[in-house]
Amino acid sequence: MVEINLLPQQYRRQSEPSVWRYATYALLPLTLAAIAIPEAMTASTIRDLRSQLDQLNGEITALEPAKREFDALTQERTALEQVTAVAGQLRDQKTYWSNDIAAFSTELPTSAGVSVKSMSVRPVDAAALATQQQGGVYVGKNVVREFELSGTASSQQAVVNFLNTFENNPNFGVNFRNLQREEEGGQYTFAATVGIVGKPPAATPTPAAGTSGTTTPTAAPAAPTSPGGTSGVQ
C-alpha cells in the first residue's frame, strides 16, 4: 500500500536522517579496525616468535655434536679426577720399606758394643700414635712406622748411646722396652722400637698432663739385678 501525503508543502514534516544513524555508520569501521589491528599485531608477533624459535632450534641442532663432545669430555674429566684422587691417596699412604730401612741403616752408630739380632717393621695408625703420645712416647713426632728391634749389648751405656743416636734425630723417635743382663756371659739383651717420622699431621695430639712437648733423650732404665746379687749397671 502506498501512502500519499496530501498536506500542503508547508505542513509536511520533513524526514531527515538521524545523528545516531551517522554515528552508527561511523562506529562500524572503527570497531572493525579495533578488532583487526590487534589481531594483525598478534599474528605478526606470533610469526616473529615462530621465526625465532625455528632459528634457535636450528642453532641447537648445529650445536648438538659439540654438546655431545663436551659431555663426553666432562665424563672423562670426572673419571680422571677420581683416578687421580685414588692415586694420590695411595701415594700418600704407600709404605716405602726399602727407603725406611736405608734411612735406619744410615743412622746406625758405628761404635762397637751393640748387635741387633732381629728387626721387623709395622705401620702406626693415628689412633695408636695418639695413645703412645699420651703415655709420653713419640711426643711431638708424627711417627708413621716402627722398627721393632731386639739385640745384645756389651754394657748398659752402649744401649743408651745406640738409642740416643735415633732419639736425637728429628726423623726418628724411640720407644724403649726393656733391658736385661744375662747371667751367663754378662751381656745385656734389650728391646726397643724406633719410629720413622712422616709428614706432619693435620692436628697435633695434645700431650698428656705433665708431659712436655719437647722431646728429650730417653735414658735406659737400670738392668735388673742378677740372681747372684750383681747389679745390671756397669
C-alpha atoms as a PDB file:
ATOM      1  CA  MET A   1       0.000   0.000   0.000  1.00  0.00           C
ATOM      2  CA  VAL A   2       1.312   3.426  -0.958  1.00  0.00           C
ATOM      3  CA  GLU A   3       0.823   6.339   1.410  1.00  0.00           C
ATOM      4  CA  ILE A   4       0.352   9.740  -0.144  1.00  0.00           C
ATOM      5  CA  ASN A   5       0.815  12.885   1.905  1.00  0.00           C
ATOM      6  CA  LEU A   6      -1.865  15.273   0.806  1.00  0.00           C
ATOM      7  CA  LEU A   7      -0.905  18.057   3.208  1.00  0.00           C
ATOM      8  CA  PRO A   8       0.350  21.275   1.803  1.00  0.00           C
ATOM      9  CA  GLN A   9       4.071  21.708   1.462  1.00  0.00           C
ATOM     10  CA  GLN A  10       4.395  23.972   4.469  1.00  0.00           C
ATOM     11  CA  TYR A  11       2.649  21.499   6.736  1.00  0.00           C
ATOM     12  CA  ARG A  12       4.560  18.469   5.701  1.00  0.00           C
ATOM     13  CA  ARG A  13       7.124  17.137   8.277  1.00  0.00           C
ATOM     14  CA  GLN A  14      10.424  16.782   6.609  1.00  0.00           C
ATOM     15  CA  SER A  15      12.083  13.499   7.418  1.00  0.00           C
ATOM     16  CA  GLU A  16      15.901  13.963   7.886  1.00  0.00           C
ATOM     17  CA  PRO A  17      18.467  11.298   8.701  1.00  0.00           C
ATOM     18  CA  SER A  18      19.128  10.903  12.445  1.00  0.00           C
ATOM     19  CA  VAL A  19      22.523  11.821  14.003  1.00  0.00           C
ATOM     20  CA  TRP A  20      22.746   8.418  15.668  1.00  0.00           C
ATOM     21  CA  ARG A  21      22.418   6.794  12.289  1.00  0.00           C
ATOM     22  CA  TYR A  22      25.514   8.629  11.069  1.00  0.00           C
ATOM     23  CA  ALA A  23      27.278   7.753  14.310  1.00  0.00           C
ATOM     24  CA  THR A  24      26.416   4.110  13.812  1.00  0.00           C
ATOM     25  CA  TYR A  25      27.778   4.184  10.305  1.00  0.00           C
ATOM     26  CA  ALA A  26      30.993   5.779  11.556  1.00  0.00           C
ATOM     27  CA  LEU A  27      31.340   3.429  14.534  1.00  0.00           C
ATOM     28  CA  LEU A  28      31.230   0.266  12.463  1.00  0.00           C
ATOM     29  CA  PRO A  29      34.570   0.819  10.672  1.00  0.00           C
ATOM     30  CA  LEU A  30      36.187   1.875  13.940  1.00  0.00           C
ATOM     31  CA  THR A  31      35.022  -1.311  15.594  1.00  0.00           C
ATOM     32  CA  LEU A  32      36.301  -3.398  12.748  1.00  0.00           C
ATOM     33  CA  ALA A  33      39.635  -1.569  12.893  1.00  0.00           C
ATOM     34  CA  ALA A  34      39.864  -2.032  16.668  1.00  0.00           C
ATOM     35  CA  ILE A  35      39.422  -5.771  16.202  1.00  0.00           C
ATOM     36  CA  ALA A  36      41.541  -6.201  13.106  1.00  0.00           C
ATOM     37  CA  ILE A  37      44.613  -4.198  14.190  1.00  0.00           C
ATOM     38  CA  PRO A  38      45.325  -6.172  17.418  1.00  0.00           C
ATOM     39  CA  GLU A  39      44.707  -9.405  15.567  1.00  0.00           C
ATOM     40  CA  ALA A  40      47.178  -8.373  12.903  1.00  0.00           C
ATOM     41  CA  MET A  41      49.741  -7.331  15.541  1.00  0.00           C
ATOM     42  CA  THR A  42      49.276 -10.609  17.408  1.00  0.00           C
ATOM     43  CA  ALA A  43      49.658 -12.599  14.215  1.00  0.00           C
ATOM     44  CA  SER A  44      52.823 -10.653  13.384  1.00  0.00           C
ATOM     45  CA  THR A  45      54.215 -11.283  16.879  1.00  0.00           C
ATOM     46  CA  ILE A  46      53.433 -14.995  16.601  1.00  0.00           C
ATOM     47  CA  ARG A  47      55.185 -15.156  13.230  1.00  0.00           C
ATOM     48  CA  ASP A  48      58.253 -13.419  14.704  1.00  0.00           C
ATOM     49  CA  LEU A  49      58.303 -15.773  17.702  1.00  0.00           C
ATOM     50  CA  ARG A  50      57.978 -18.803  15.460  1.00  0.00           C
ATOM     51  CA  SER A  51      60.793 -17.496  13.309  1.00  0.00           C
ATOM     52  CA  GLN A  52      62.994 -17.005  16.379  1.00  0.00           C
ATOM     53  CA  LEU A  53      62.049 -20.465  17.659  1.00  0.00           C
ATOM     54  CA  ASP A  54      62.966 -22.029  14.339  1.00  0.00           C
ATOM     55  CA  GLN A  55      66.266 -20.163  14.400  1.00  0.00           C
ATOM     56  CA  LEU A  56      67.018 -21.326  17.948  1.00  0.00           C
ATOM     57  CA  ASN A  57      66.093 -24.907  17.096  1.00  0.00           C
ATOM     58  CA  GLY A  58      68.476 -24.706  14.168  1.00  0.00           C
ATOM     59  CA  GLU A  59      71.258 -23.452  16.407  1.00  0.00           C
ATOM     60  CA  ILE A  60      70.556 -26.212  18.922  1.00  0.00           C
ATOM     61  CA  THR A  61      70.711 -28.803  16.186  1.00  0.00           C
ATOM     62  CA  ALA A  62      74.003 -27.341  14.953  1.00  0.00           C
ATOM     63  CA  LEU A  63      75.437 -27.407  18.499  1.00  0.00           C
ATOM     64  CA  GLU A  64      74.375 -30.988  19.255  1.00  0.00           C
ATOM     65  CA  PRO A  65      77.723 -32.541  18.164  1.00  0.00           C
ATOM     66  CA  ALA A  66      79.666 -30.022  20.261  1.00  0.00           C
ATOM     67  CA  LYS A  67      77.394 -30.716  23.225  1.00  0.00           C
ATOM     68  CA  ARG A  68      77.905 -34.465  22.932  1.00  0.00           C
ATOM     69  CA  GLU A  69      81.661 -33.939  22.758  1.00  0.00           C
ATOM     70  CA  PHE A  70      81.533 -31.629  25.793  1.00  0.00           C
ATOM     71  CA  ASP A  71      79.520 -34.178  27.787  1.00  0.00           C
ATOM     72  CA  ALA A  72      81.998 -36.914  26.864  1.00  0.00           C
ATOM     73  CA  LEU A  73      84.947 -34.741  27.892  1.00  0.00           C
ATOM     74  CA  THR A  74      83.211 -33.852  31.160  1.00  0.00           C
ATOM     75  CA  GLN A  75      82.675 -37.522  31.978  1.00  0.00           C
ATOM     76  CA  GLU A  76      86.283 -38.283  31.090  1.00  0.00           C
ATOM     77  CA  ARG A  77      87.498 -35.439  33.304  1.00  0.00           C
ATOM     78  CA  THR A  78      85.384 -36.702  36.208  1.00  0.00           C
ATOM     79  CA  ALA A  79      86.776 -40.209  35.772  1.00  0.00           C
ATOM     80  CA  LEU A  80      90.349 -38.890  35.617  1.00  0.00           C
ATOM     81  CA  GLU A  81      89.814 -36.786  38.732  1.00  0.00           C
ATOM     82  CA  GLN A  82      88.572 -39.853  40.602  1.00  0.00           C
ATOM     83  CA  VAL A  83      91.553 -41.908  39.420  1.00  0.00           C
ATOM     84  CA  THR A  84      93.935 -39.088  40.356  1.00  0.00           C
ATOM     85  CA  ALA A  85      92.378 -38.774  43.807  1.00  0.00           C
ATOM     86  CA  VAL A  86      92.741 -42.509  44.431  1.00  0.00           C
ATOM     87  CA  ALA A  87      96.300 -42.475  43.107  1.00  0.00           C
ATOM     88  CA  GLY A  88      97.183 -39.535  45.354  1.00  0.00           C
ATOM     89  CA  GLN A  89      95.684 -41.254  48.365  1.00  0.00           C
ATOM     90  CA  LEU A  90      97.595 -44.445  47.633  1.00  0.00           C
ATOM     91  CA  ARG A  91     100.782 -42.461  47.083  1.00  0.00           C
ATOM     92  CA  ASP A  92     100.390 -40.673  50.418  1.00  0.00           C
ATOM     93  CA  GLN A  93      99.705 -43.942  52.227  1.00  0.00           C
ATOM     94  CA  LYS A  94     102.281 -46.016  50.385  1.00  0.00           C
ATOM     95  CA  THR A  95     104.951 -47.538  52.540  1.00  0.00           C
ATOM     96  CA  TYR A  96     108.455 -47.393  51.167  1.00  0.00           C
ATOM     97  CA  TRP A  97     110.023 -50.081  53.318  1.00  0.00           C
ATOM     98  CA  SER A  98     113.308 -50.064  51.417  1.00  0.00           C
ATOM     99  CA  ASN A  99     113.721 -46.312  51.940  1.00  0.00           C
ATOM    100  CA  ASP A 100     112.947 -46.668  55.636  1.00  0.00           C
ATOM    101  CA  ILE A 101     115.451 -49.480  56.034  1.00  0.00           C
ATOM    102  CA  ALA A 102     118.095 -47.474  54.214  1.00  0.00           C
ATOM    103  CA  ALA A 103     117.466 -44.424  56.424  1.00  0.00           C
ATOM    104  CA  PHE A 104     117.561 -46.590  59.549  1.00  0.00           C
ATOM    105  CA  SER A 105     120.782 -48.316  58.493  1.00  0.00           C
ATOM    106  CA  THR A 106     122.447 -44.990  57.733  1.00  0.00           C
ATOM    107  CA  GLU A 107     121.873 -43.810  61.300  1.00  0.00           C
ATOM    108  CA  LEU A 108     123.223 -46.946  62.951  1.00  0.00           C
ATOM    109  CA  PRO A 109     126.079 -45.971  65.280  1.00  0.00           C
ATOM    110  CA  THR A 110     129.482 -47.127  64.231  1.00  0.00           C
ATOM    111  CA  SER A 111     130.714 -47.705  67.772  1.00  0.00           C
ATOM    112  CA  ALA A 112     131.054 -51.283  68.918  1.00  0.00           C
ATOM    113  CA  GLY A 113     129.118 -52.815  71.750  1.00  0.00           C
ATOM    114  CA  VAL A 114     125.620 -53.312  70.256  1.00  0.00           C
ATOM    115  CA  SER A 115     124.427 -56.095  67.997  1.00  0.00           C
ATOM    116  CA  VAL A 116     120.897 -56.094  66.506  1.00  0.00           C
ATOM    117  CA  LYS A 117     119.592 -59.665  66.389  1.00  0.00           C
ATOM    118  CA  SER A 118     116.121 -59.157  64.927  1.00  0.00           C
ATOM    119  CA  MET A 119     114.148 -56.364  63.315  1.00  0.00           C
ATOM    120  CA  SER A 120     110.591 -56.055  61.997  1.00  0.00           C
ATOM    121  CA  VAL A 121     108.651 -53.141  60.510  1.00  0.00           C
ATOM    122  CA  ARG A 122     104.997 -52.250  61.020  1.00  0.00           C
ATOM    123  CA  PRO A 123     102.815 -49.206  60.262  1.00  0.00           C
ATOM    124  CA  VAL A 124     101.487 -46.972  63.045  1.00  0.00           C
ATOM    125  CA  ASP A 125      97.998 -45.539  62.634  1.00  0.00           C
ATOM    126  CA  ALA A 126      96.842 -42.234  64.100  1.00  0.00           C
ATOM    127  CA  ALA A 127      94.913 -43.826  66.979  1.00  0.00           C
ATOM    128  CA  ALA A 128      97.876 -45.946  68.090  1.00  0.00           C
ATOM    129  CA  LEU A 129     100.196 -42.940  67.833  1.00  0.00           C
ATOM    130  CA  ALA A 130      97.865 -40.794  69.936  1.00  0.00           C
ATOM    131  CA  THR A 131      97.734 -43.497  72.616  1.00  0.00           C
ATOM    132  CA  GLN A 132     101.518 -43.747  72.717  1.00  0.00           C
ATOM    133  CA  GLN A 133     101.963 -39.982  72.835  1.00  0.00           C
ATOM    134  CA  GLN A 134      99.570 -39.772  75.762  1.00  0.00           C
ATOM    135  CA  GLY A 135     101.901 -42.209  77.513  1.00  0.00           C
ATOM    136  CA  GLY A 136     104.911 -39.986  76.792  1.00  0.00           C
ATOM    137  CA  VAL A 137     106.233 -41.880  73.759  1.00  0.00           C
ATOM    138  CA  TYR A 138     106.994 -40.142  70.432  1.00  0.00           C
ATOM    139  CA  VAL A 139     105.824 -36.828  71.880  1.00  0.00           C
ATOM    140  CA  GLY A 140     105.863 -34.123  69.220  1.00  0.00           C
ATOM    141  CA  LYS A 141     106.768 -36.566  66.436  1.00  0.00           C
ATOM    142  CA  ASN A 142     104.415 -37.883  63.763  1.00  0.00           C
ATOM    143  CA  VAL A 143     105.623 -41.472  63.678  1.00  0.00           C
ATOM    144  CA  VAL A 144     104.101 -43.422  60.796  1.00  0.00           C
ATOM    145  CA  ARG A 145     106.077 -46.689  61.005  1.00  0.00           C
ATOM    146  CA  GLU A 146     108.046 -48.551  63.646  1.00  0.00           C
ATOM    147  CA  PHE A 147     111.116 -50.773  63.624  1.00  0.00           C
ATOM    148  CA  GLU A 148     110.773 -53.428  66.331  1.00  0.00           C
ATOM    149  CA  LEU A 149     114.327 -54.191  67.487  1.00  0.00           C
ATOM    150  CA  SER A 150     115.927 -56.731  69.758  1.00  0.00           C
ATOM    151  CA  GLY A 151     119.613 -57.316  70.294  1.00  0.00           C
ATOM    152  CA  THR A 152     122.522 -57.643  72.646  1.00  0.00           C
ATOM    153  CA  ALA A 153     124.971 -55.140  74.066  1.00  0.00           C
ATOM    154  CA  SER A 154     128.202 -55.272  75.988  1.00  0.00           C
ATOM    155  CA  SER A 155     127.029 -52.655  78.518  1.00  0.00           C
ATOM    156  CA  GLN A 156     124.058 -50.557  79.523  1.00  0.00           C
ATOM    157  CA  GLN A 157     125.788 -47.394  78.285  1.00  0.00           C
ATOM    158  CA  ALA A 158     126.220 -48.959  74.871  1.00  0.00           C
ATOM    159  CA  VAL A 159     122.440 -49.417  74.654  1.00  0.00           C
ATOM    160  CA  VAL A 160     121.877 -45.813  75.786  1.00  0.00           C
ATOM    161  CA  ASN A 161     124.286 -44.499  73.158  1.00  0.00           C
ATOM    162  CA  PHE A 162     122.662 -46.657  70.498  1.00  0.00           C
ATOM    163  CA  LEU A 163     119.128 -45.443  71.206  1.00  0.00           C
ATOM    164  CA  ASN A 164     120.165 -41.799  71.708  1.00  0.00           C
ATOM    165  CA  THR A 165     121.522 -41.781  68.168  1.00  0.00           C
ATOM    166  CA  PHE A 166     117.941 -42.132  66.900  1.00  0.00           C
ATOM    167  CA  GLU A 167     116.250 -40.151  69.668  1.00  0.00           C
ATOM    168  CA  ASN A 168     118.344 -37.064  68.883  1.00  0.00           C
ATOM    169  CA  ASN A 169     117.480 -37.272  65.181  1.00  0.00           C
ATOM    170  CA  PRO A 170     114.266 -35.360  64.291  1.00  0.00           C
ATOM    171  CA  ASN A 171     113.428 -38.021  61.694  1.00  0.00           C
ATOM    172  CA  PHE A 172     113.160 -40.767  64.310  1.00  0.00           C
ATOM    173  CA  GLY A 173     111.567 -41.484  67.653  1.00  0.00           C
ATOM    174  CA  VAL A 174     112.469 -44.108  70.258  1.00  0.00           C
ATOM    175  CA  ASN A 175     110.276 -46.247  72.480  1.00  0.00           C
ATOM    176  CA  PHE A 176     112.486 -48.169  74.917  1.00  0.00           C
ATOM    177  CA  ARG A 177     111.026 -51.514  76.023  1.00  0.00           C
ATOM    178  CA  ASN A 178     113.340 -53.413  78.322  1.00  0.00           C
ATOM    179  CA  LEU A 179     116.943 -54.226  79.191  1.00  0.00           C
ATOM    180  CA  GLN A 180     118.133 -57.384  80.911  1.00  0.00           C
ATOM    181  CA  ARG A 181     121.523 -58.756  81.848  1.00  0.00           C
ATOM    182  CA  GLU A 182     122.233 -62.358  81.044  1.00  0.00           C
ATOM    183  CA  GLU A 183     123.574 -64.413  83.905  1.00  0.00           C
ATOM    184  CA  GLU A 184     125.985 -66.221  81.643  1.00  0.00           C
ATOM    185  CA  GLY A 185     128.450 -64.051  79.773  1.00  0.00           C
ATOM    186  CA  GLY A 186     127.398 -60.775  81.393  1.00  0.00           C
ATOM    187  CA  GLN A 187     125.924 -59.354  78.197  1.00  0.00           C
ATOM    188  CA  TYR A 188     122.718 -57.332  78.027  1.00  0.00           C
ATOM    189  CA  THR A 189     119.664 -58.079  75.935  1.00  0.00           C
ATOM    190  CA  PHE A 190     117.375 -55.198  75.024  1.00  0.00           C
ATOM    191  CA  ALA A 191     114.190 -54.490  73.111  1.00  0.00           C
ATOM    192  CA  ALA A 192     113.038 -51.171  71.693  1.00  0.00           C
ATOM    193  CA  THR A 193     111.131 -49.652  68.807  1.00  0.00           C
ATOM    194  CA  VAL A 194     112.471 -46.913  66.548  1.00  0.00           C
ATOM    195  CA  GLY A 195     109.763 -44.838  64.860  1.00  0.00           C
ATOM    196  CA  ILE A 196     110.032 -43.271  61.409  1.00  0.00           C
ATOM    197  CA  VAL A 197     108.678 -39.707  61.345  1.00  0.00           C
ATOM    198  CA  GLY A 198     106.429 -38.902  58.382  1.00  0.00           C
ATOM    199  CA  LYS A 199     104.564 -35.794  57.240  1.00  0.00           C
ATOM    200  CA  PRO A 200     103.161 -33.532  59.999  1.00  0.00           C
ATOM    201  CA  PRO A 201      99.557 -34.425  60.908  1.00  0.00           C
ATOM    202  CA  ALA A 202      96.689 -32.014  60.395  1.00  0.00           C
ATOM    203  CA  ALA A 203      96.310 -31.554  64.148  1.00  0.00           C
ATOM    204  CA  THR A 204      99.000 -32.466  66.631  1.00  0.00           C
ATOM    205  CA  PRO A 205      97.578 -34.511  69.561  1.00  0.00           C
ATOM    206  CA  THR A 206      97.788 -32.771  72.893  1.00  0.00           C
ATOM    207  CA  PRO A 207     100.493 -34.286  75.108  1.00  0.00           C
ATOM    208  CA  ALA A 208      99.398 -35.977  78.279  1.00  0.00           C
ATOM    209  CA  ALA A 209      99.317 -33.989  81.508  1.00  0.00           C
ATOM    210  CA  GLY A 210     102.746 -33.399  82.952  1.00  0.00           C
ATOM    211  CA  THR A 211     104.475 -34.263  79.633  1.00  0.00           C
ATOM    212  CA  SER A 212     106.492 -31.583  77.924  1.00  0.00           C
ATOM    213  CA  GLY A 213     106.124 -31.101  74.186  1.00  0.00           C
ATOM    214  CA  THR A 214     109.939 -31.081  73.830  1.00  0.00           C
ATOM    215  CA  THR A 215     111.476 -34.468  73.142  1.00  0.00           C
ATOM    216  CA  THR A 216     114.377 -35.396  75.379  1.00  0.00           C
ATOM    217  CA  PRO A 217     116.637 -38.416  75.059  1.00  0.00           C
ATOM    218  CA  THR A 218     115.230 -41.406  76.857  1.00  0.00           C
ATOM    219  CA  ALA A 219     117.733 -43.000  79.175  1.00  0.00           C
ATOM    220  CA  ALA A 220     117.560 -46.753  79.503  1.00  0.00           C
ATOM    221  CA  PRO A 221     116.495 -48.000  82.939  1.00  0.00           C
ATOM    222  CA  ALA A 222     118.863 -49.871  85.121  1.00  0.00           C
ATOM    223  CA  ALA A 223     119.121 -53.532  84.309  1.00  0.00           C
ATOM    224  CA  PRO A 224     117.567 -55.911  86.813  1.00  0.00           C
ATOM    225  CA  THR A 225     119.775 -57.433  89.468  1.00  0.00           C
ATOM    226  CA  SER A 226     121.054 -60.852  88.532  1.00  0.00           C
ATOM    227  CA  PRO A 227     120.351 -63.762  90.844  1.00  0.00           C
ATOM    228  CA  GLY A 228     123.893 -63.647  92.170  1.00  0.00           C
ATOM    229  CA  GLY A 229     123.257 -60.189  93.620  1.00  0.00           C
ATOM    230  CA  THR A 230     125.219 -58.464  90.851  1.00  0.00           C
ATOM    231  CA  SER A 231     123.782 -55.161  89.690  1.00  0.00           C
ATOM    232  CA  GLY A 232     122.985 -54.755  85.998  1.00  0.00           C
ATOM    233  CA  VAL A 233     124.665 -51.301  85.875  1.00  0.00           C
ATOM    234  CA  GLN A 234     128.329 -51.351  84.930  1.00  0.00           C
END
